Amino acid sequence: MLKIKLFIRGHRNQRTYRIVVAEKKSKRDGKYVEDLGYYNPETKEFKLDKAKLDMWEKNGAQQTEGVRKLLKEQLKQK
């Protein structure tokens, strides 16, 4: 089963996040199938390939709670 999850990058106090498609049981920072975008909480920079996101959701990938909250927050701002 595939999940759309946050992949943590950066140093302890300078976190950035990649939005990726990965196996449900894979580690938080483990291997992933495809990279969909990124989010930087310091600069509030957010980029997402919506076409790829829609394609993966149609193929059965589900969003994790963190991704769901992030997308809801970002779409509300735009």
C-alpha atoms as a PDB file:
ATOM      1  CA  MET A   1       0.000   0.000   0.000  1.00  0.00           C
ATOM      2  CA  LEU A   2       1.336   3.426  -0.951  1.00  0.00           C
ATOM      3  CA  LYS A   3       1.123   6.595   1.143  1.00  0.00           C
ATOM      4  CA  ILE A   4       1.803  10.231   0.339  1.00  0.00           C
ATOM      5  CA  LYS A   5       3.991  11.323   3.237  1.00  0.00           C
ATOM      6  CA  LEU A   6       6.448  13.958   4.453  1.00  0.00           C
ATOM      7  CA  PHE A   7      10.159  13.173   4.093  1.00  0.00           C
ATOM      8  CA  ILE A   8      12.264  15.236   6.528  1.00  0.00           C
ATOM      9  CA  ARG A   9      15.456  16.908   5.252  1.00  0.00           C
ATOM     10  CA  GLY A  10      17.899  19.409   6.722  1.00  0.00           C
ATOM     11  CA  HIS A  11      19.460  19.979  10.135  1.00  0.00           C
ATOM     12  CA  ARG A  12      17.728  19.845  13.504  1.00  0.00           C
ATOM     13  CA  ASN A  13      16.679  23.512  13.617  1.00  0.00           C
ATOM     14  CA  GLN A  14      16.444  23.997   9.837  1.00  0.00           C
ATOM     15  CA  ARG A  15      13.957  21.348   8.741  1.00  0.00           C
ATOM     16  CA  THR A  16      12.553  21.186   5.246  1.00  0.00           C
ATOM     17  CA  TYR A  17      10.107  18.590   3.999  1.00  0.00           C
ATOM     18  CA  ARG A  18       9.731  16.717   0.723  1.00  0.00           C
ATOM     19  CA  ILE A  19       6.279  15.436  -0.193  1.00  0.00           C
ATOM     20  CA  VAL A  20       6.821  11.903  -1.511  1.00  0.00           C
ATOM     21  CA  VAL A  21       5.009   8.713  -2.444  1.00  0.00           C
ATOM     22  CA  ALA A  22       6.374   5.780  -0.423  1.00  0.00           C
ATOM     23  CA  GLU A  23       5.405   2.358   0.866  1.00  0.00           C
ATOM     24  CA  LYS A  24       3.281   2.519   3.989  1.00  0.00           C
ATOM     25  CA  LYS A  25       5.789   0.492   6.007  1.00  0.00           C
ATOM     26  CA  SER A  26       8.905   2.347   4.811  1.00  0.00           C
ATOM     27  CA  LYS A  27      10.910   4.403   7.290  1.00  0.00           C
ATOM     28  CA  ARG A  28      10.198   8.111   7.648  1.00  0.00           C
ATOM     29  CA  ASP A  29      13.407   8.984   5.783  1.00  0.00           C
ATOM     30  CA  GLY A  30      13.658   5.754   3.795  1.00  0.00           C
ATOM     31  CA  LYS A  31      13.263   4.982   0.115  1.00  0.00           C
ATOM     32  CA  TYR A  32      10.424   6.546  -1.823  1.00  0.00           C
ATOM     33  CA  VAL A  33       8.806   5.967  -5.198  1.00  0.00           C
ATOM     34  CA  GLU A  34       8.361   9.543  -6.434  1.00  0.00           C
ATOM     35  CA  ASP A  35       8.960  13.100  -5.270  1.00  0.00           C
ATOM     36  CA  LEU A  36       5.882  15.357  -5.582  1.00  0.00           C
ATOM     37  CA  GLY A  37       7.084  18.637  -4.077  1.00  0.00           C
ATOM     38  CA  TYR A  38       8.523  20.376  -1.037  1.00  0.00           C
ATOM     39  CA  TYR A  39       7.700  22.648   1.906  1.00  0.00           C
ATOM     40  CA  ASN A  40      10.013  24.964   3.856  1.00  0.00           C
ATOM     41  CA  PRO A  41       8.349  26.090   7.117  1.00  0.00           C
ATOM     42  CA  GLU A  42      10.844  28.933   7.725  1.00  0.00           C
ATOM     43  CA  THR A  43      10.213  30.742   4.457  1.00  0.00           C
ATOM     44  CA  LYS A  44       6.701  29.264   3.954  1.00  0.00           C
ATOM     45  CA  GLU A  45       7.852  28.192   0.480  1.00  0.00           C
ATOM     46  CA  PHE A  46       5.599  25.454  -0.900  1.00  0.00           C
ATOM     47  CA  LYS A  47       5.628  23.707  -4.256  1.00  0.00           C
ATOM     48  CA  LEU A  48       3.556  20.721  -5.321  1.00  0.00           C
ATOM     49  CA  ASP A  49       3.001  18.964  -8.648  1.00  0.00           C
ATOM     50  CA  LYS A  50      -0.801  18.623  -8.471  1.00  0.00           C
ATOM     51  CA  ALA A  51      -0.985  16.489 -11.625  1.00  0.00           C
ATOM     52  CA  LYS A  52       1.304  13.854 -10.085  1.00  0.00           C
ATOM     53  CA  LEU A  53      -0.590  14.069  -6.776  1.00  0.00           C
ATOM     54  CA  ASP A  54      -3.911  13.440  -8.531  1.00  0.00           C
ATOM     55  CA  MET A  55      -2.423  10.579 -10.555  1.00  0.00           C
ATOM     56  CA  TRP A  56      -1.105   8.805  -7.442  1.00  0.00           C
ATOM     57  CA  GLU A  57      -4.375   9.299  -5.568  1.00  0.00           C
ATOM     58  CA  LYS A  58      -6.285   7.772  -8.502  1.00  0.00           C
ATOM     59  CA  ASN A  59      -3.897   4.797  -8.311  1.00  0.00           C
ATOM     60  CA  GLY A  60      -4.762   4.253  -4.640  1.00  0.00           C
ATOM     61  CA  ALA A  61      -2.108   6.190  -2.696  1.00  0.00           C
ATOM     62  CA  GLN A  62      -3.491   7.757   0.476  1.00  0.00           C
ATOM     63  CA  GLN A  63      -2.337  10.932   2.218  1.00  0.00           C
ATOM     64  CA  THR A  64      -0.976  10.778   5.751  1.00  0.00           C
ATOM     65  CA  GLU A  65      -2.439  13.066   8.420  1.00  0.00           C
ATOM     66  CA  GLY A  66       0.513  15.483   8.190  1.00  0.00           C
ATOM     67  CA  VAL A  67       0.249  15.845   4.418  1.00  0.00           C
ATOM     68  CA  ARG A  68      -3.514  16.299   4.632  1.00  0.00           C
ATOM     69  CA  LYS A  69      -3.141  19.153   7.154  1.00  0.00           C
ATOM     70  CA  LEU A  70      -0.357  20.804   5.152  1.00  0.00           C
ATOM     71  CA  LEU A  71      -2.313  20.721   1.880  1.00  0.00           C
ATOM     72  CA  LYS A  72      -5.455  22.023   3.564  1.00  0.00           C
ATOM     73  CA  GLU A  73      -3.485  24.919   5.097  1.00  0.00           C
ATOM     74  CA  GLN A  74      -1.664  25.780   1.855  1.00  0.00           C
ATOM     75  CA  LEU A  75      -4.781  25.635  -0.332  1.00  0.00           C
ATOM     76  CA  LYS A  76      -6.641  27.863   2.139  1.00  0.00           C
ATOM     77  CA  GLN A  77      -3.942  30.570   1.771  1.00  0.00           C
ATOM     78  CA  LYS A  78      -4.140  30.665  -2.027  1.00  0.00           C
END
